[in-house]
Amino acid sequence: MAQEVRKIKKSTAKKISHVRAYVTATFNNTLVTLTDQEGSTIAWGSAGASNFKGARKATPFAATTVVEGIAKKAKEAGASSIEIFVKGPGPGRDSSIRAFKAAGLNITMIADITPIPHNGPRATKRRRV
């Protein structure tokens, strides 16, 4: 007889007081990842996942909506303070920081981690619009 093996998934609801938010603001979308101090993902969200399609994904309002949902999950995890790491040139940069502040989270640090080439490969030709 074959014995059935059942795996029980344990949800560890540990209280985290300090979290990190990584905001990637591209020209087409805004991605937000919430992690603990070790880098384990707690929650994530994007403008596309928040039912914004097409050009509306690339708006400051879409970024604000994403951050409001992530901030709610951060408060459920017990977070009171947050470090924000912003990457990219998109329109959701500033509005995401303002939304974290408006959500009532204490911002301890804001860092820009946009990668800057130190004269890497040759750039593509300029767009003509």
N, C-alpha and C. Protein backbone atom coordinates (compact mmCIF):
# COMPACT_ATOMS: atom_id res chain seq x y z
N MET A 1 0.82 -1.19 0.00
CA MET A 1 0.00 0.00 0.00
C MET A 1 0.87 1.25 0.00
N ALA A 2 0.47 2.22 -0.80
CA ALA A 2 1.20 3.48 -0.87
C ALA A 2 0.72 4.40 0.25
N GLN A 3 1.69 4.93 0.94
CA GLN A 3 1.36 5.80 2.06
C GLN A 3 1.32 7.24 1.57
N GLU A 4 0.30 7.97 1.98
CA GLU A 4 0.14 9.34 1.56
C GLU A 4 0.97 10.27 2.43
N VAL A 5 1.71 11.13 1.77
CA VAL A 5 2.53 12.10 2.50
C VAL A 5 1.93 13.48 2.25
N ARG A 6 1.58 14.13 3.32
CA ARG A 6 1.00 15.47 3.20
C ARG A 6 1.96 16.49 3.79
N LYS A 7 2.18 17.52 3.02
CA LYS A 7 3.02 18.60 3.50
C LYS A 7 2.13 19.70 4.05
N ILE A 8 2.39 20.07 5.26
CA ILE A 8 1.62 21.14 5.90
C ILE A 8 2.41 22.43 5.76
N LYS A 9 1.79 23.40 5.13
CA LYS A 9 2.45 24.68 4.93
C LYS A 9 2.22 25.56 6.15
N LYS A 10 3.30 25.95 6.78
CA LYS A 10 3.20 26.80 7.96
C LYS A 10 3.39 28.25 7.55
N SER A 11 2.44 29.08 7.89
CA SER A 11 2.58 30.50 7.60
C SER A 11 3.14 31.17 8.84
N THR A 12 4.39 31.62 8.70
CA THR A 12 5.03 32.28 9.83
C THR A 12 4.73 33.76 9.76
N ALA A 13 3.87 34.22 10.62
CA ALA A 13 3.49 35.63 10.66
C ALA A 13 4.37 36.34 11.67
N LYS A 14 5.64 36.56 11.27
CA LYS A 14 6.54 37.24 12.19
C LYS A 14 6.37 38.74 12.08
N LYS A 15 6.46 39.41 13.19
CA LYS A 15 6.28 40.85 13.21
C LYS A 15 7.61 41.53 12.85
N ILE A 16 7.56 42.36 11.84
CA ILE A 16 8.75 43.06 11.36
C ILE A 16 8.51 44.55 11.58
N SER A 17 9.43 45.20 12.29
CA SER A 17 9.23 46.62 12.58
C SER A 17 9.83 47.52 11.51
N HIS A 18 10.88 47.03 10.83
CA HIS A 18 11.57 47.85 9.84
C HIS A 18 11.66 47.08 8.53
N VAL A 19 11.18 47.67 7.43
CA VAL A 19 11.18 47.01 6.13
C VAL A 19 11.90 47.87 5.09
N ARG A 20 12.17 47.25 3.95
CA ARG A 20 12.78 47.95 2.82
C ARG A 20 11.84 47.88 1.63
N ALA A 21 11.75 48.97 0.89
CA ALA A 21 10.94 49.00 -0.32
C ALA A 21 11.84 49.32 -1.50
N TYR A 22 11.79 48.47 -2.51
CA TYR A 22 12.55 48.69 -3.74
C TYR A 22 11.57 49.11 -4.82
N VAL A 23 11.69 50.37 -5.28
CA VAL A 23 10.80 50.92 -6.30
C VAL A 23 11.57 50.98 -7.61
N THR A 24 11.08 50.27 -8.62
CA THR A 24 11.68 50.32 -9.95
C THR A 24 10.71 51.07 -10.85
N ALA A 25 11.09 52.29 -11.24
CA ALA A 25 10.22 53.14 -12.04
C ALA A 25 10.74 53.17 -13.47
N THR A 26 10.10 52.41 -14.35
CA THR A 26 10.48 52.43 -15.75
C THR A 26 9.56 53.39 -16.49
N PHE A 27 9.81 53.57 -17.78
CA PHE A 27 8.95 54.46 -18.55
C PHE A 27 7.58 53.84 -18.80
N ASN A 28 7.47 52.52 -18.67
CA ASN A 28 6.21 51.84 -18.97
C ASN A 28 5.48 51.30 -17.75
N ASN A 29 6.14 51.18 -16.61
CA ASN A 29 5.52 50.52 -15.46
C ASN A 29 6.23 50.98 -14.19
N THR A 30 5.64 50.68 -13.05
CA THR A 30 6.26 50.92 -11.75
C THR A 30 6.13 49.65 -10.92
N LEU A 31 7.26 49.10 -10.48
CA LEU A 31 7.29 47.87 -9.69
C LEU A 31 7.75 48.20 -8.29
N VAL A 32 7.07 47.64 -7.28
CA VAL A 32 7.43 47.88 -5.88
C VAL A 32 7.56 46.53 -5.19
N THR A 33 8.72 46.30 -4.55
CA THR A 33 8.96 45.07 -3.81
C THR A 33 9.25 45.43 -2.37
N LEU A 34 8.57 44.78 -1.43
CA LEU A 34 8.74 45.02 -0.01
C LEU A 34 9.50 43.85 0.59
N THR A 35 10.63 44.12 1.25
CA THR A 35 11.44 43.05 1.83
C THR A 35 11.73 43.35 3.30
N ASP A 36 12.18 42.31 4.00
CA ASP A 36 12.67 42.53 5.36
C ASP A 36 14.14 42.92 5.29
N GLN A 37 14.80 43.02 6.43
CA GLN A 37 16.19 43.47 6.46
C GLN A 37 17.13 42.48 5.78
N GLU A 38 16.77 41.18 5.76
CA GLU A 38 17.63 40.18 5.13
C GLU A 38 17.43 40.13 3.62
N GLY A 39 16.35 40.72 3.12
CA GLY A 39 16.09 40.72 1.69
C GLY A 39 15.01 39.74 1.27
N SER A 40 14.36 39.07 2.22
CA SER A 40 13.27 38.16 1.88
C SER A 40 12.02 38.96 1.53
N THR A 41 11.41 38.62 0.42
CA THR A 41 10.26 39.37 -0.07
C THR A 41 9.04 39.13 0.82
N ILE A 42 8.41 40.23 1.24
CA ILE A 42 7.18 40.17 2.01
C ILE A 42 5.98 40.35 1.08
N ALA A 43 6.06 41.35 0.22
CA ALA A 43 4.98 41.63 -0.72
C ALA A 43 5.55 42.36 -1.93
N TRP A 44 4.83 42.30 -3.03
CA TRP A 44 5.23 43.03 -4.21
C TRP A 44 3.99 43.48 -4.95
N GLY A 45 4.17 44.45 -5.83
CA GLY A 45 3.06 44.94 -6.62
C GLY A 45 3.58 45.74 -7.80
N SER A 46 2.73 45.90 -8.80
CA SER A 46 3.10 46.70 -9.96
C SER A 46 1.86 47.40 -10.48
N ALA A 47 2.08 48.38 -11.34
CA ALA A 47 0.95 49.10 -11.91
C ALA A 47 0.13 48.17 -12.80
N GLY A 48 0.79 47.24 -13.48
CA GLY A 48 0.07 46.28 -14.31
C GLY A 48 -0.76 45.32 -13.48
N ALA A 49 -0.22 44.92 -12.32
CA ALA A 49 -0.97 44.02 -11.44
C ALA A 49 -2.12 44.73 -10.74
N SER A 50 -2.08 46.06 -10.72
CA SER A 50 -3.16 46.85 -10.12
C SER A 50 -4.21 47.26 -11.13
N ASN A 51 -4.32 46.49 -12.22
CA ASN A 51 -5.33 46.68 -13.26
C ASN A 51 -5.18 47.98 -14.04
N PHE A 52 -3.95 48.45 -14.21
CA PHE A 52 -3.68 49.56 -15.12
C PHE A 52 -3.12 48.96 -16.39
N LYS A 53 -3.65 49.36 -17.53
CA LYS A 53 -3.20 48.81 -18.80
C LYS A 53 -2.70 49.93 -19.70
N GLY A 54 -1.77 49.59 -20.55
CA GLY A 54 -1.30 50.53 -21.58
C GLY A 54 -0.58 51.73 -21.00
N ALA A 55 -0.89 52.89 -21.53
CA ALA A 55 -0.20 54.12 -21.15
C ALA A 55 -0.53 54.56 -19.72
N ARG A 56 -1.65 54.08 -19.16
CA ARG A 56 -2.01 54.49 -17.79
C ARG A 56 -1.11 53.86 -16.75
N LYS A 57 -0.40 52.76 -17.11
CA LYS A 57 0.56 52.16 -16.18
C LYS A 57 1.69 53.13 -15.87
N ALA A 58 2.05 53.94 -16.86
CA ALA A 58 3.20 54.83 -16.73
C ALA A 58 2.78 56.20 -16.21
N THR A 59 1.94 56.24 -15.18
CA THR A 59 1.51 57.51 -14.61
C THR A 59 1.84 57.55 -13.13
N PRO A 60 1.99 58.74 -12.57
CA PRO A 60 2.22 58.85 -11.13
C PRO A 60 1.04 58.31 -10.31
N PHE A 61 -0.18 58.43 -10.83
CA PHE A 61 -1.34 57.93 -10.11
C PHE A 61 -1.28 56.41 -9.97
N ALA A 62 -0.85 55.72 -11.02
CA ALA A 62 -0.73 54.27 -10.95
C ALA A 62 0.31 53.87 -9.91
N ALA A 63 1.42 54.60 -9.85
CA ALA A 63 2.47 54.31 -8.86
C ALA A 63 1.94 54.53 -7.44
N THR A 64 1.15 55.58 -7.25
CA THR A 64 0.57 55.86 -5.94
C THR A 64 -0.37 54.74 -5.52
N THR A 65 -1.17 54.25 -6.44
CA THR A 65 -2.10 53.16 -6.15
C THR A 65 -1.36 51.89 -5.74
N VAL A 66 -0.26 51.60 -6.43
CA VAL A 66 0.55 50.42 -6.11
C VAL A 66 1.11 50.54 -4.70
N VAL A 67 1.66 51.70 -4.37
CA VAL A 67 2.30 51.91 -3.07
C VAL A 67 1.27 51.85 -1.94
N GLU A 68 0.06 52.33 -2.18
CA GLU A 68 -0.96 52.25 -1.13
C GLU A 68 -1.26 50.80 -0.76
N GLY A 69 -1.34 49.93 -1.77
CA GLY A 69 -1.57 48.52 -1.49
C GLY A 69 -0.41 47.87 -0.77
N ILE A 70 0.82 48.22 -1.15
CA ILE A 70 2.01 47.66 -0.52
C ILE A 70 2.14 48.18 0.92
N ALA A 71 1.83 49.44 1.13
CA ALA A 71 1.92 50.02 2.47
C ALA A 71 0.91 49.37 3.41
N LYS A 72 -0.25 48.99 2.89
CA LYS A 72 -1.24 48.30 3.72
C LYS A 72 -0.70 46.93 4.15
N LYS A 73 -0.03 46.22 3.22
CA LYS A 73 0.56 44.93 3.56
C LYS A 73 1.72 45.09 4.54
N ALA A 74 2.46 46.20 4.43
CA ALA A 74 3.56 46.45 5.36
C ALA A 74 3.04 46.68 6.77
N LYS A 75 1.94 47.41 6.88
CA LYS A 75 1.37 47.65 8.21
C LYS A 75 0.80 46.37 8.80
N GLU A 76 0.25 45.49 7.95
CA GLU A 76 -0.25 44.20 8.43
C GLU A 76 0.89 43.34 8.97
N ALA A 77 2.09 43.51 8.37
CA ALA A 77 3.26 42.76 8.84
C ALA A 77 3.85 43.38 10.10
N GLY A 78 3.35 44.54 10.50
CA GLY A 78 3.81 45.18 11.72
C GLY A 78 4.88 46.22 11.51
N ALA A 79 5.07 46.66 10.28
CA ALA A 79 6.13 47.63 9.98
C ALA A 79 5.72 49.03 10.39
N SER A 80 6.67 49.76 10.94
CA SER A 80 6.42 51.16 11.28
C SER A 80 7.38 52.09 10.56
N SER A 81 8.58 51.59 10.25
CA SER A 81 9.55 52.42 9.53
C SER A 81 10.00 51.70 8.27
N ILE A 82 10.47 52.49 7.29
CA ILE A 82 10.77 51.94 5.98
C ILE A 82 11.98 52.63 5.37
N GLU A 83 12.79 51.85 4.65
CA GLU A 83 13.88 52.38 3.83
C GLU A 83 13.43 52.23 2.38
N ILE A 84 13.61 53.28 1.57
CA ILE A 84 13.15 53.25 0.19
C ILE A 84 14.36 53.32 -0.73
N PHE A 85 14.44 52.37 -1.66
CA PHE A 85 15.48 52.35 -2.68
C PHE A 85 14.80 52.54 -4.02
N VAL A 86 15.12 53.64 -4.71
CA VAL A 86 14.47 53.98 -5.96
C VAL A 86 15.43 53.73 -7.12
N LYS A 87 14.92 53.06 -8.16
CA LYS A 87 15.73 52.78 -9.34
C LYS A 87 14.94 53.13 -10.58
N GLY A 88 15.58 53.81 -11.52
CA GLY A 88 14.96 54.08 -12.82
C GLY A 88 14.49 55.51 -12.99
N PRO A 89 14.20 55.89 -14.24
CA PRO A 89 13.86 57.29 -14.56
C PRO A 89 12.37 57.55 -14.72
N GLY A 90 11.51 56.62 -14.40
CA GLY A 90 10.09 56.74 -14.73
C GLY A 90 9.33 57.78 -13.93
N PRO A 91 8.07 58.00 -14.31
CA PRO A 91 7.26 59.02 -13.66
C PRO A 91 6.77 58.62 -12.27
N GLY A 92 6.94 57.36 -11.86
CA GLY A 92 6.46 56.92 -10.56
C GLY A 92 7.44 57.12 -9.42
N ARG A 93 8.60 57.71 -9.69
CA ARG A 93 9.63 57.88 -8.67
C ARG A 93 9.15 58.70 -7.48
N ASP A 94 8.82 59.95 -7.75
CA ASP A 94 8.48 60.88 -6.67
C ASP A 94 7.14 60.55 -6.03
N SER A 95 6.17 60.17 -6.85
CA SER A 95 4.84 59.91 -6.30
C SER A 95 4.83 58.68 -5.40
N SER A 96 5.72 57.72 -5.66
CA SER A 96 5.77 56.54 -4.79
C SER A 96 6.32 56.91 -3.41
N ILE A 97 7.30 57.79 -3.36
CA ILE A 97 7.85 58.23 -2.07
C ILE A 97 6.80 59.01 -1.29
N ARG A 98 6.07 59.88 -1.98
CA ARG A 98 5.01 60.65 -1.33
C ARG A 98 3.91 59.74 -0.80
N ALA A 99 3.62 58.66 -1.54
CA ALA A 99 2.56 57.75 -1.12
C ALA A 99 2.97 56.96 0.12
N PHE A 100 4.25 56.58 0.23
CA PHE A 100 4.72 55.91 1.45
C PHE A 100 4.59 56.84 2.64
N LYS A 101 4.91 58.12 2.45
CA LYS A 101 4.80 59.10 3.53
C LYS A 101 3.35 59.30 3.93
N ALA A 102 2.46 59.36 2.92
CA ALA A 102 1.04 59.58 3.20
C ALA A 102 0.40 58.36 3.87
N ALA A 103 0.98 57.19 3.69
CA ALA A 103 0.43 55.97 4.29
C ALA A 103 0.74 55.88 5.77
N GLY A 104 1.59 56.77 6.26
CA GLY A 104 1.88 56.79 7.69
C GLY A 104 3.11 56.01 8.09
N LEU A 105 3.92 55.61 7.13
CA LEU A 105 5.16 54.90 7.45
C LEU A 105 6.28 55.92 7.65
N ASN A 106 7.12 55.67 8.64
CA ASN A 106 8.23 56.56 8.94
C ASN A 106 9.39 56.23 8.00
N ILE A 107 9.73 57.16 7.12
CA ILE A 107 10.81 56.94 6.15
C ILE A 107 12.14 57.26 6.82
N THR A 108 13.01 56.23 6.93
CA THR A 108 14.32 56.44 7.56
C THR A 108 15.40 56.77 6.55
N MET A 109 15.23 56.28 5.30
CA MET A 109 16.26 56.52 4.30
C MET A 109 15.65 56.44 2.90
N ILE A 110 16.12 57.31 2.02
CA ILE A 110 15.76 57.24 0.61
C ILE A 110 17.07 57.19 -0.17
N ALA A 111 17.24 56.14 -0.98
CA ALA A 111 18.48 55.99 -1.75
C ALA A 111 18.15 55.78 -3.21
N ASP A 112 18.94 56.41 -4.08
CA ASP A 112 18.78 56.22 -5.52
C ASP A 112 19.81 55.20 -5.97
N ILE A 113 19.33 54.04 -6.44
CA ILE A 113 20.25 52.97 -6.85
C ILE A 113 20.17 52.75 -8.36
N THR A 114 19.87 53.83 -9.10
CA THR A 114 19.82 53.73 -10.56
C THR A 114 21.21 53.42 -11.08
N PRO A 115 21.35 52.36 -11.89
CA PRO A 115 22.68 52.03 -12.41
C PRO A 115 23.16 53.08 -13.41
N ILE A 116 24.37 53.56 -13.22
CA ILE A 116 24.95 54.57 -14.10
C ILE A 116 26.20 53.97 -14.73
N PRO A 117 26.26 53.90 -16.05
CA PRO A 117 27.45 53.33 -16.69
C PRO A 117 28.63 54.29 -16.59
N HIS A 118 29.81 53.75 -16.31
CA HIS A 118 31.03 54.55 -16.32
C HIS A 118 31.68 54.38 -17.69
N ASN A 119 30.99 54.94 -18.70
CA ASN A 119 31.37 54.81 -20.11
C ASN A 119 31.51 53.35 -20.51
N GLY A 120 30.37 52.64 -20.46
CA GLY A 120 30.32 51.25 -20.85
C GLY A 120 30.29 51.08 -22.36
N PRO A 121 29.41 50.20 -22.86
CA PRO A 121 29.34 50.00 -24.31
C PRO A 121 28.76 51.21 -25.02
N ARG A 122 28.96 51.22 -26.33
CA ARG A 122 28.48 52.35 -27.12
C ARG A 122 26.96 52.43 -27.05
N ALA A 123 26.46 53.64 -26.81
CA ALA A 123 25.02 53.86 -26.67
C ALA A 123 24.33 53.70 -28.02
N THR A 124 23.04 53.33 -27.98
CA THR A 124 22.27 53.22 -29.21
C THR A 124 22.02 54.61 -29.78
N LYS A 125 21.72 54.64 -31.09
CA LYS A 125 21.50 55.95 -31.72
C LYS A 125 20.27 56.61 -31.13
N ARG A 126 20.25 57.94 -31.14
CA ARG A 126 19.16 58.70 -30.54
C ARG A 126 17.87 58.53 -31.30
N ARG A 127 16.76 58.53 -30.58
CA ARG A 127 15.44 58.44 -31.21
C ARG A 127 15.12 59.75 -31.92
N ARG A 128 14.51 59.63 -33.09
CA ARG A 128 14.01 60.82 -33.80
C ARG A 128 12.51 60.76 -33.76
N VAL A 129 11.91 61.72 -33.03
CA VAL A 129 10.45 61.72 -32.88
C VAL A 129 9.85 62.87 -33.67
